[in-house]
All heavy atoms as atom14 arrays in JSON, in Angstrom:
{
  "sequence": "IEFIDKNTLSATVYEKSVAGCLEYMDSYVYFDRDGIVLESTEDRKE",
  "atom14_mask": [
    [1, 1, 1, 1, 1, 1, 1, 1, 0, 0, 0, 0, 0, 0],
    [1, 1, 1, 1, 1, 1, 1, 1, 1, 0, 0, 0, 0, 0],
    [1, 1, 1, 1, 1, 1, 1, 1, 1, 1, 1, 0, 0, 0],
    [1, 1, 1, 1, 1, 1, 1, 1, 0, 0, 0, 0, 0, 0],
    [1, 1, 1, 1, 1, 1, 1, 1, 0, 0, 0, 0, 0, 0],
    [1, 1, 1, 1, 1, 1, 1, 1, 1, 0, 0, 0, 0, 0],
    [1, 1, 1, 1, 1, 1, 1, 1, 0, 0, 0, 0, 0, 0],
    [1, 1, 1, 1, 1, 1, 1, 0, 0, 0, 0, 0, 0, 0],
    [1, 1, 1, 1, 1, 1, 1, 1, 0, 0, 0, 0, 0, 0],
    [1, 1, 1, 1, 1, 1, 0, 0, 0, 0, 0, 0, 0, 0],
    [1, 1, 1, 1, 1, 0, 0, 0, 0, 0, 0, 0, 0, 0],
    [1, 1, 1, 1, 1, 1, 1, 0, 0, 0, 0, 0, 0, 0],
    [1, 1, 1, 1, 1, 1, 1, 0, 0, 0, 0, 0, 0, 0],
    [1, 1, 1, 1, 1, 1, 1, 1, 1, 1, 1, 1, 0, 0],
    [1, 1, 1, 1, 1, 1, 1, 1, 1, 0, 0, 0, 0, 0],
    [1, 1, 1, 1, 1, 1, 1, 1, 1, 0, 0, 0, 0, 0],
    [1, 1, 1, 1, 1, 1, 0, 0, 0, 0, 0, 0, 0, 0],
    [1, 1, 1, 1, 1, 1, 1, 0, 0, 0, 0, 0, 0, 0],
    [1, 1, 1, 1, 1, 0, 0, 0, 0, 0, 0, 0, 0, 0],
    [1, 1, 1, 1, 0, 0, 0, 0, 0, 0, 0, 0, 0, 0],
    [1, 1, 1, 1, 1, 1, 0, 0, 0, 0, 0, 0, 0, 0],
    [1, 1, 1, 1, 1, 1, 1, 1, 0, 0, 0, 0, 0, 0],
    [1, 1, 1, 1, 1, 1, 1, 1, 1, 0, 0, 0, 0, 0],
    [1, 1, 1, 1, 1, 1, 1, 1, 1, 1, 1, 1, 0, 0],
    [1, 1, 1, 1, 1, 1, 1, 1, 0, 0, 0, 0, 0, 0],
    [1, 1, 1, 1, 1, 1, 1, 1, 0, 0, 0, 0, 0, 0],
    [1, 1, 1, 1, 1, 1, 0, 0, 0, 0, 0, 0, 0, 0],
    [1, 1, 1, 1, 1, 1, 1, 1, 1, 1, 1, 1, 0, 0],
    [1, 1, 1, 1, 1, 1, 1, 0, 0, 0, 0, 0, 0, 0],
    [1, 1, 1, 1, 1, 1, 1, 1, 1, 1, 1, 1, 0, 0],
    [1, 1, 1, 1, 1, 1, 1, 1, 1, 1, 1, 0, 0, 0],
    [1, 1, 1, 1, 1, 1, 1, 1, 0, 0, 0, 0, 0, 0],
    [1, 1, 1, 1, 1, 1, 1, 1, 1, 1, 1, 0, 0, 0],
    [1, 1, 1, 1, 1, 1, 1, 1, 0, 0, 0, 0, 0, 0],
    [1, 1, 1, 1, 0, 0, 0, 0, 0, 0, 0, 0, 0, 0],
    [1, 1, 1, 1, 1, 1, 1, 1, 0, 0, 0, 0, 0, 0],
    [1, 1, 1, 1, 1, 1, 1, 0, 0, 0, 0, 0, 0, 0],
    [1, 1, 1, 1, 1, 1, 1, 1, 0, 0, 0, 0, 0, 0],
    [1, 1, 1, 1, 1, 1, 1, 1, 1, 0, 0, 0, 0, 0],
    [1, 1, 1, 1, 1, 1, 0, 0, 0, 0, 0, 0, 0, 0],
    [1, 1, 1, 1, 1, 1, 1, 0, 0, 0, 0, 0, 0, 0],
    [1, 1, 1, 1, 1, 1, 1, 1, 1, 0, 0, 0, 0, 0],
    [1, 1, 1, 1, 1, 1, 1, 1, 0, 0, 0, 0, 0, 0],
    [1, 1, 1, 1, 1, 1, 1, 1, 1, 1, 1, 0, 0, 0],
    [1, 1, 1, 1, 1, 1, 1, 1, 1, 0, 0, 0, 0, 0],
    [1, 1, 1, 1, 1, 1, 1, 1, 1, 0, 0, 0, 0, 0]
  ],
  "atom14_positions": [
    [[14.81, -1.86, -7.89], [15.53, -0.66, -8.33], [16.55, -1.02, -9.41], [17.32, -1.96, -9.26], [16.24, 0.01, -7.14], [15.21, 0.6, -6.17], [17.2, 1.09, -7.6], [15.81, 1.23, -4.95], [0.0, 0.0, 0.0], [0.0, 0.0, 0.0], [0.0, 0.0, 0.0], [0.0, 0.0, 0.0], [0.0, 0.0, 0.0], [0.0, 0.0, 0.0]],
    [[16.55, -0.25, -10.5], [17.48, -0.48, -11.61], [18.06, 0.86, -12.09], [17.39, 1.9, -12.03], [16.79, -1.18, -12.77], [16.31, -2.59, -12.45], [15.69, -3.27, -13.66], [15.66, -2.63, -14.73], [15.25, -4.42, -13.53], [0.0, 0.0, 0.0], [0.0, 0.0, 0.0], [0.0, 0.0, 0.0], [0.0, 0.0, 0.0], [0.0, 0.0, 0.0]],
    [[19.3, 0.8, -12.58], [19.94, 1.98, -13.17], [19.33, 2.29, -14.53], [19.1, 1.41, -15.34], [21.44, 1.75, -13.36], [22.24, 1.91, -12.11], [22.97, 0.85, -11.6], [22.28, 3.11, -11.44], [23.73, 0.98, -10.46], [23.03, 3.26, -10.29], [23.75, 2.19, -9.8], [0.0, 0.0, 0.0], [0.0, 0.0, 0.0], [0.0, 0.0, 0.0]],
    [[19.11, 3.56, -14.8], [18.83, 4.03, -16.15], [20.09, 4.66, -16.71], [20.53, 4.36, -17.81], [17.67, 5.05, -16.17], [16.38, 4.41, -15.63], [17.44, 5.58, -17.58], [15.88, 3.24, -16.43], [0.0, 0.0, 0.0], [0.0, 0.0, 0.0], [0.0, 0.0, 0.0], [0.0, 0.0, 0.0], [0.0, 0.0, 0.0], [0.0, 0.0, 0.0]],
    [[20.7, 5.55, -15.91], [22.01, 6.1, -16.21], [22.65, 6.53, -14.88], [22.13, 6.2, -13.82], [21.94, 7.28, -17.21], [21.01, 8.39, -16.75], [21.07, 8.77, -15.56], [20.22, 8.89, -17.57], [0.0, 0.0, 0.0], [0.0, 0.0, 0.0], [0.0, 0.0, 0.0], [0.0, 0.0, 0.0], [0.0, 0.0, 0.0], [0.0, 0.0, 0.0]],
    [[23.75, 7.24, -14.92], [24.48, 7.6, -13.71], [23.68, 8.46, -12.73], [24.0, 8.5, -11.55], [25.77, 8.34, -14.08], [26.85, 7.45, -14.68], [28.0, 8.27, -15.21], [28.68, 9.04, -14.1], [29.85, 9.8, -14.58], [0.0, 0.0, 0.0], [0.0, 0.0, 0.0], [0.0, 0.0, 0.0], [0.0, 0.0, 0.0], [0.0, 0.0, 0.0]],
    [[22.67, 9.12, -13.25], [21.9, 10.03, -12.39], [20.41, 9.72, -12.33], [19.64, 10.47, -11.73], [22.09, 11.48, -12.87], [23.55, 11.86, -12.98], [24.07, 12.01, -14.08], [24.23, 11.97, -11.85], [0.0, 0.0, 0.0], [0.0, 0.0, 0.0], [0.0, 0.0, 0.0], [0.0, 0.0, 0.0], [0.0, 0.0, 0.0], [0.0, 0.0, 0.0]],
    [[20.02, 8.61, -12.94], [18.6, 8.26, -13.0], [18.4, 6.78, -12.67], [19.16, 5.92, -13.14], [18.03, 8.54, -14.4], [18.29, 9.89, -14.77], [16.52, 8.29, -14.43], [0.0, 0.0, 0.0], [0.0, 0.0, 0.0], [0.0, 0.0, 0.0], [0.0, 0.0, 0.0], [0.0, 0.0, 0.0], [0.0, 0.0, 0.0], [0.0, 0.0, 0.0]],
    [[17.4, 6.49, -11.86], [17.05, 5.1, -11.6], [15.56, 4.9, -11.79], [14.77, 5.83, -11.71], [17.49, 4.65, -10.19], [16.91, 5.3, -8.94], [15.49, 4.81, -8.65], [17.79, 4.99, -7.74], [0.0, 0.0, 0.0], [0.0, 0.0, 0.0], [0.0, 0.0, 0.0], [0.0, 0.0, 0.0], [0.0, 0.0, 0.0], [0.0, 0.0, 0.0]],
    [[15.19, 3.66, -12.03], [13.77, 3.32, -12.12], [13.41, 2.44, -10.93], [14.19, 1.58, -10.52], [13.46, 2.58, -13.43], [14.01, 1.27, -13.41], [0.0, 0.0, 0.0], [0.0, 0.0, 0.0], [0.0, 0.0, 0.0], [0.0, 0.0, 0.0], [0.0, 0.0, 0.0], [0.0, 0.0, 0.0], [0.0, 0.0, 0.0], [0.0, 0.0, 0.0]],
    [[12.24, 2.67, -10.38], [11.75, 1.89, -9.25], [10.41, 1.26, -9.64], [9.46, 1.97, -9.96], [11.58, 2.78, -8.02], [0.0, 0.0, 0.0], [0.0, 0.0, 0.0], [0.0, 0.0, 0.0], [0.0, 0.0, 0.0], [0.0, 0.0, 0.0], [0.0, 0.0, 0.0], [0.0, 0.0, 0.0], [0.0, 0.0, 0.0], [0.0, 0.0, 0.0]],
    [[10.38, -0.07, -9.65], [9.15, -0.78, -9.95], [8.5, -1.24, -8.65], [9.13, -1.95, -7.86], [9.42, -2.0, -10.86], [10.06, -1.57, -12.06], [8.11, -2.7, -11.21], [0.0, 0.0, 0.0], [0.0, 0.0, 0.0], [0.0, 0.0, 0.0], [0.0, 0.0, 0.0], [0.0, 0.0, 0.0], [0.0, 0.0, 0.0], [0.0, 0.0, 0.0]],
    [[7.28, -0.8, -8.43], [6.56, -1.08, -7.18], [5.68, -2.32, -7.35], [4.91, -2.42, -8.31], [5.68, 0.12, -6.78], [4.81, -0.21, -5.58], [6.56, 1.34, -6.49], [0.0, 0.0, 0.0], [0.0, 0.0, 0.0], [0.0, 0.0, 0.0], [0.0, 0.0, 0.0], [0.0, 0.0, 0.0], [0.0, 0.0, 0.0], [0.0, 0.0, 0.0]],
    [[5.8, -3.24, -6.4], [4.9, -4.39, -6.33], [4.07, -4.23, -5.05], [4.6, -4.29, -3.95], [5.69, -5.7, -6.31], [6.49, -5.93, -7.57], [7.81, -5.49, -7.67], [5.91, -6.55, -8.67], [8.54, -5.68, -8.83], [6.63, -6.75, -9.84], [7.94, -6.31, -9.92], [8.67, -6.5, -11.07], [0.0, 0.0, 0.0], [0.0, 0.0, 0.0]],
    [[2.78, -3.99, -5.24], [1.94, -3.64, -4.09], [1.39, -4.87, -3.37], [1.26, -5.95, -3.95], [0.8, -2.75, -4.55], [1.25, -1.39, -5.05], [0.1, -0.45, -5.31], [-0.98, -0.92, -5.71], [0.27, 0.76, -5.12], [0.0, 0.0, 0.0], [0.0, 0.0, 0.0], [0.0, 0.0, 0.0], [0.0, 0.0, 0.0], [0.0, 0.0, 0.0]],
    [[1.05, -4.65, -2.11], [0.39, -5.68, -1.33], [-1.02, -5.89, -1.86], [-1.64, -4.97, -2.39], [0.34, -5.25, 0.15], [1.7, -5.08, 0.79], [1.59, -4.5, 2.2], [2.95, -4.31, 2.83], [2.87, -3.67, 4.17], [0.0, 0.0, 0.0], [0.0, 0.0, 0.0], [0.0, 0.0, 0.0], [0.0, 0.0, 0.0], [0.0, 0.0, 0.0]],
    [[-1.52, -7.09, -1.72], [-2.87, -7.41, -2.17], [-3.86, -7.03, -1.07], [-3.94, -7.68, -0.03], [-2.99, -8.91, -2.48], [-4.28, -9.23, -2.9], [0.0, 0.0, 0.0], [0.0, 0.0, 0.0], [0.0, 0.0, 0.0], [0.0, 0.0, 0.0], [0.0, 0.0, 0.0], [0.0, 0.0, 0.0], [0.0, 0.0, 0.0], [0.0, 0.0, 0.0]],
    [[-4.61, -5.95, -1.3], [-5.54, -5.42, -0.3], [-6.94, -5.95, -0.59], [-7.44, -5.82, -1.71], [-5.55, -3.89, -0.3], [-6.51, -3.36, 0.74], [-4.14, -3.36, -0.04], [0.0, 0.0, 0.0], [0.0, 0.0, 0.0], [0.0, 0.0, 0.0], [0.0, 0.0, 0.0], [0.0, 0.0, 0.0], [0.0, 0.0, 0.0], [0.0, 0.0, 0.0]],
    [[-7.59, -6.54, 0.42], [-8.92, -7.12, 0.23], [-10.03, -6.16, 0.62], [-11.08, -6.09, -0.02], [-9.05, -8.41, 1.03], [0.0, 0.0, 0.0], [0.0, 0.0, 0.0], [0.0, 0.0, 0.0], [0.0, 0.0, 0.0], [0.0, 0.0, 0.0], [0.0, 0.0, 0.0], [0.0, 0.0, 0.0], [0.0, 0.0, 0.0], [0.0, 0.0, 0.0]],
    [[-9.83, -5.4, 1.7], [-10.87, -4.5, 2.18], [-10.35, -3.59, 3.27], [-9.17, -3.63, 3.62], [0.0, 0.0, 0.0], [0.0, 0.0, 0.0], [0.0, 0.0, 0.0], [0.0, 0.0, 0.0], [0.0, 0.0, 0.0], [0.0, 0.0, 0.0], [0.0, 0.0, 0.0], [0.0, 0.0, 0.0], [0.0, 0.0, 0.0], [0.0, 0.0, 0.0]],
    [[-11.24, -2.76, 3.79], [-10.83, -1.85, 4.87], [-12.0, -1.62, 5.83], [-13.17, -1.73, 5.46], [-10.32, -0.51, 4.32], [-11.58, 0.5, 3.51], [0.0, 0.0, 0.0], [0.0, 0.0, 0.0], [0.0, 0.0, 0.0], [0.0, 0.0, 0.0], [0.0, 0.0, 0.0], [0.0, 0.0, 0.0], [0.0, 0.0, 0.0], [0.0, 0.0, 0.0]],
    [[-11.64, -1.31, 7.06], [-12.6, -0.99, 8.11], [-12.36, 0.44, 8.58], [-11.22, 0.89, 8.63], [-12.45, -1.92, 9.31], [-12.73, -3.41, 9.12], [-12.3, -4.16, 10.38], [-14.19, -3.64, 8.84], [0.0, 0.0, 0.0], [0.0, 0.0, 0.0], [0.0, 0.0, 0.0], [0.0, 0.0, 0.0], [0.0, 0.0, 0.0], [0.0, 0.0, 0.0]],
    [[-13.44, 1.15, 8.91], [-13.28, 2.46, 9.51], [-12.96, 2.29, 10.99], [-13.67, 1.58, 11.7], [-14.55, 3.28, 9.33], [-14.8, 3.7, 7.89], [-15.96, 4.66, 7.77], [-15.93, 5.7, 8.46], [-16.9, 4.37, 7.02], [0.0, 0.0, 0.0], [0.0, 0.0, 0.0], [0.0, 0.0, 0.0], [0.0, 0.0, 0.0], [0.0, 0.0, 0.0]],
    [[-11.89, 2.92, 11.42], [-11.47, 2.83, 12.83], [-11.06, 4.21, 13.29], [-10.08, 4.77, 12.81], [-10.3, 1.85, 12.97], [-9.8, 1.68, 14.39], [-10.48, 0.87, 15.29], [-8.65, 2.35, 14.82], [-10.02, 0.71, 16.59], [-8.18, 2.2, 16.12], [-8.87, 1.38, 17.0], [-8.42, 1.24, 18.29], [0.0, 0.0, 0.0], [0.0, 0.0, 0.0]],
    [[-11.89, 4.79, 14.19], [-11.68, 6.17, 14.63], [-11.68, 7.08, 13.41], [-12.64, 7.14, 12.66], [-10.41, 6.29, 15.47], [-10.49, 5.49, 16.77], [-9.04, 5.73, 17.82], [-9.48, 4.72, 19.22], [0.0, 0.0, 0.0], [0.0, 0.0, 0.0], [0.0, 0.0, 0.0], [0.0, 0.0, 0.0], [0.0, 0.0, 0.0], [0.0, 0.0, 0.0]],
    [[-10.59, 7.78, 13.15], [-10.55, 8.7, 12.01], [-9.71, 8.14, 10.87], [-9.28, 8.9, 9.98], [-9.96, 10.05, 12.45], [-10.83, 10.75, 13.47], [-12.07, 10.63, 13.36], [-10.3, 11.39, 14.39], [0.0, 0.0, 0.0], [0.0, 0.0, 0.0], [0.0, 0.0, 0.0], [0.0, 0.0, 0.0], [0.0, 0.0, 0.0], [0.0, 0.0, 0.0]],
    [[-9.51, 6.83, 10.86], [-8.66, 6.21, 9.84], [-9.35, 5.01, 9.21], [-10.43, 4.57, 9.65], [-7.32, 5.78, 10.45], [-6.61, 6.88, 10.98], [0.0, 0.0, 0.0], [0.0, 0.0, 0.0], [0.0, 0.0, 0.0], [0.0, 0.0, 0.0], [0.0, 0.0, 0.0], [0.0, 0.0, 0.0], [0.0, 0.0, 0.0], [0.0, 0.0, 0.0]],
    [[-8.7, 4.49, 8.17], [-9.13, 3.25, 7.54], [-8.05, 2.2, 7.76], [-6.87, 2.45, 7.49], [-9.36, 3.46, 6.03], [-10.51, 4.39, 5.72], [-10.29, 5.75, 5.52], [-11.82, 3.9, 5.62], [-11.35, 6.61, 5.23], [-12.88, 4.76, 5.33], [-12.63, 6.11, 5.14], [-13.67, 6.95, 4.86], [0.0, 0.0, 0.0], [0.0, 0.0, 0.0]],
    [[-8.47, 1.04, 8.26], [-7.54, -0.06, 8.49], [-7.69, -1.05, 7.33], [-8.76, -1.62, 7.12], [-7.83, -0.77, 9.82], [-6.87, -1.94, 10.03], [-7.73, 0.21, 10.98], [0.0, 0.0, 0.0], [0.0, 0.0, 0.0], [0.0, 0.0, 0.0], [0.0, 0.0, 0.0], [0.0, 0.0, 0.0], [0.0, 0.0, 0.0], [0.0, 0.0, 0.0]],
    [[-6.61, -1.23, 6.57], [-6.64, -2.08, 5.39], [-6.1, -3.47, 5.72], [-5.12, -3.61, 6.46], [-5.8, -1.46, 4.26], [-6.41, -0.18, 3.73], [-6.19, 1.05, 4.36], [-7.22, -0.19, 2.6], [-6.76, 2.22, 3.88], [-7.79, 0.97, 2.1], [-7.56, 2.17, 2.75], [-8.12, 3.33, 2.28], [0.0, 0.0, 0.0], [0.0, 0.0, 0.0]],
    [[-6.74, -4.5, 5.15], [-6.31, -5.86, 5.43], [-6.27, -6.68, 4.13], [-6.91, -6.31, 3.13], [-7.22, -6.53, 6.45], [-8.68, -6.6, 6.05], [-9.18, -7.7, 5.37], [-9.54, -5.56, 6.36], [-10.52, -7.77, 4.99], [-10.89, -5.62, 5.99], [-11.37, -6.73, 5.3], [0.0, 0.0, 0.0], [0.0, 0.0, 0.0], [0.0, 0.0, 0.0]],
    [[-5.52, -7.79, 4.16], [-5.41, -8.64, 2.98], [-6.46, -9.74, 2.98], [-7.32, -9.8, 3.86], [-3.98, -9.2, 2.83], [-3.62, -10.19, 3.94], [-4.52, -10.63, 4.69], [-2.43, -10.54, 4.04], [0.0, 0.0, 0.0], [0.0, 0.0, 0.0], [0.0, 0.0, 0.0], [0.0, 0.0, 0.0], [0.0, 0.0, 0.0], [0.0, 0.0, 0.0]],
    [[-6.39, -10.65, 2.03], [-7.41, -11.68, 1.85], [-7.41, -12.7, 2.99], [-8.33, -13.5, 3.1], [-7.21, -12.39, 0.51], [-5.87, -13.04, 0.32], [-5.7, -13.57, -1.07], [-6.71, -14.57, -1.38], [-6.91, -15.07, -2.59], [-6.2, -14.62, -3.61], [-7.83, -16.0, -2.79], [0.0, 0.0, 0.0], [0.0, 0.0, 0.0], [0.0, 0.0, 0.0]],
    [[-6.37, -12.69, 3.82], [-6.31, -13.58, 4.98], [-6.68, -12.86, 6.28], [-6.58, -13.44, 7.36], [-4.9, -14.17, 5.11], [-4.54, -15.06, 3.93], [-5.39, -15.88, 3.52], [-3.42, -14.93, 3.4], [0.0, 0.0, 0.0], [0.0, 0.0, 0.0], [0.0, 0.0, 0.0], [0.0, 0.0, 0.0], [0.0, 0.0, 0.0], [0.0, 0.0, 0.0]],
    [[-7.06, -11.58, 6.16], [-7.46, -10.82, 7.34], [-6.3, -10.2, 8.09], [-6.48, -9.73, 9.22], [0.0, 0.0, 0.0], [0.0, 0.0, 0.0], [0.0, 0.0, 0.0], [0.0, 0.0, 0.0], [0.0, 0.0, 0.0], [0.0, 0.0, 0.0], [0.0, 0.0, 0.0], [0.0, 0.0, 0.0], [0.0, 0.0, 0.0], [0.0, 0.0, 0.0]],
    [[-5.11, -10.16, 7.47], [-3.93, -9.59, 8.11], [-3.89, -8.08, 7.86], [-4.05, -7.62, 6.72], [-2.63, -10.23, 7.59], [-2.69, -11.76, 7.75], [-1.43, -9.66, 8.3], [-2.85, -12.24, 9.17], [0.0, 0.0, 0.0], [0.0, 0.0, 0.0], [0.0, 0.0, 0.0], [0.0, 0.0, 0.0], [0.0, 0.0, 0.0], [0.0, 0.0, 0.0]],
    [[-3.68, -7.31, 8.92], [-3.63, -5.85, 8.8], [-2.39, -5.42, 8.02], [-1.26, -5.79, 8.37], [-3.62, -5.18, 10.19], [-3.51, -3.66, 10.05], [-4.87, -5.54, 10.98], [0.0, 0.0, 0.0], [0.0, 0.0, 0.0], [0.0, 0.0, 0.0], [0.0, 0.0, 0.0], [0.0, 0.0, 0.0], [0.0, 0.0, 0.0], [0.0, 0.0, 0.0]],
    [[-2.61, -4.63, 6.97], [-1.51, -4.17, 6.12], [-1.07, -2.75, 6.44], [0.11, -2.46, 6.57], [-1.92, -4.25, 4.64], [-2.3, -5.62, 4.11], [-2.81, -5.49, 2.67], [-1.11, -6.56, 4.16], [0.0, 0.0, 0.0], [0.0, 0.0, 0.0], [0.0, 0.0, 0.0], [0.0, 0.0, 0.0], [0.0, 0.0, 0.0], [0.0, 0.0, 0.0]],
    [[-2.05, -1.86, 6.53], [-1.74, -0.45, 6.75], [-2.93, 0.22, 7.44], [-4.06, -0.28, 7.42], [-1.47, 0.28, 5.43], [-0.34, -0.26, 4.6], [1.03, -0.02, 5.2], [1.14, 0.8, 6.13], [1.99, -0.67, 4.74], [0.0, 0.0, 0.0], [0.0, 0.0, 0.0], [0.0, 0.0, 0.0], [0.0, 0.0, 0.0], [0.0, 0.0, 0.0]],
    [[-2.68, 1.4, 7.99], [-3.73, 2.26, 8.49], [-3.44, 3.68, 8.0], [-2.32, 4.17, 8.14], [-3.79, 2.24, 10.01], [-4.73, 3.18, 10.5], [0.0, 0.0, 0.0], [0.0, 0.0, 0.0], [0.0, 0.0, 0.0], [0.0, 0.0, 0.0], [0.0, 0.0, 0.0], [0.0, 0.0, 0.0], [0.0, 0.0, 0.0], [0.0, 0.0, 0.0]],
    [[-4.43, 4.3, 7.39], [-4.22, 5.63, 6.85], [-5.53, 6.41, 6.88], [-6.62, 5.82, 6.92], [-3.69, 5.57, 5.4], [-3.64, 6.87, 4.84], [-4.57, 4.69, 4.53], [0.0, 0.0, 0.0], [0.0, 0.0, 0.0], [0.0, 0.0, 0.0], [0.0, 0.0, 0.0], [0.0, 0.0, 0.0], [0.0, 0.0, 0.0], [0.0, 0.0, 0.0]],
    [[-5.44, 7.72, 6.86], [-6.63, 8.57, 6.8], [-7.22, 8.6, 5.39], [-8.36, 9.04, 5.2], [-6.29, 9.99, 7.25], [-5.89, 10.08, 8.72], [-5.56, 11.5, 9.14], [-5.61, 12.39, 8.26], [-5.27, 11.74, 10.32], [0.0, 0.0, 0.0], [0.0, 0.0, 0.0], [0.0, 0.0, 0.0], [0.0, 0.0, 0.0], [0.0, 0.0, 0.0]],
    [[-6.45, 8.13, 4.41], [-6.9, 8.16, 3.02], [-7.8, 6.97, 2.71], [-7.5, 5.83, 3.07], [-5.7, 8.14, 2.07], [-4.82, 9.36, 2.23], [-5.37, 10.43, 2.57], [-3.6, 9.26, 2.02], [0.0, 0.0, 0.0], [0.0, 0.0, 0.0], [0.0, 0.0, 0.0], [0.0, 0.0, 0.0], [0.0, 0.0, 0.0], [0.0, 0.0, 0.0]],
    [[-8.89, 7.25, 2.01], [-9.79, 6.2, 1.53], [-9.34, 5.83, 0.13], [-9.46, 6.63, -0.81], [-11.23, 6.69, 1.54], [-12.24, 5.74, 0.92], [-12.44, 4.52, 1.8], [-13.43, 3.64, 1.22], [-13.16, 2.68, 0.34], [-11.91, 2.51, -0.08], [-14.12, 1.9, -0.12], [0.0, 0.0, 0.0], [0.0, 0.0, 0.0], [0.0, 0.0, 0.0]],
    [[-8.82, 4.63, -0.05], [-8.29, 4.19, -1.33], [-9.39, 3.7, -2.26], [-10.18, 2.83, -1.89], [-7.26, 3.08, -1.12], [-6.09, 3.48, -0.23], [-5.23, 4.56, -0.86], [-4.03, 4.91, 0.0], [-3.19, 5.97, -0.58], [0.0, 0.0, 0.0], [0.0, 0.0, 0.0], [0.0, 0.0, 0.0], [0.0, 0.0, 0.0], [0.0, 0.0, 0.0]],
    [[-9.42, 4.24, -3.46], [-10.42, 3.84, -4.44], [-10.19, 2.4, -4.88], [-9.04, 1.97, -5.06], [-10.36, 4.77, -5.66], [-11.47, 4.54, -6.67], [-11.42, 5.52, -7.83], [-10.64, 6.48, -7.77], [-12.17, 5.3, -8.8], [0.0, 0.0, 0.0], [0.0, 0.0, 0.0], [0.0, 0.0, 0.0], [0.0, 0.0, 0.0], [0.0, 0.0, 0.0]]
  ]
}
């Protein structure tokens, strides 16, 4: 997070490295290149 001015800030996002996902019930379970679970969401990420 950085200041732009007194009322504006910029947020630079650094995302997790996602390797793949599995369908689990009505969600997708996303994991990294080491097989660690990162997130679970109903959204299928392109």
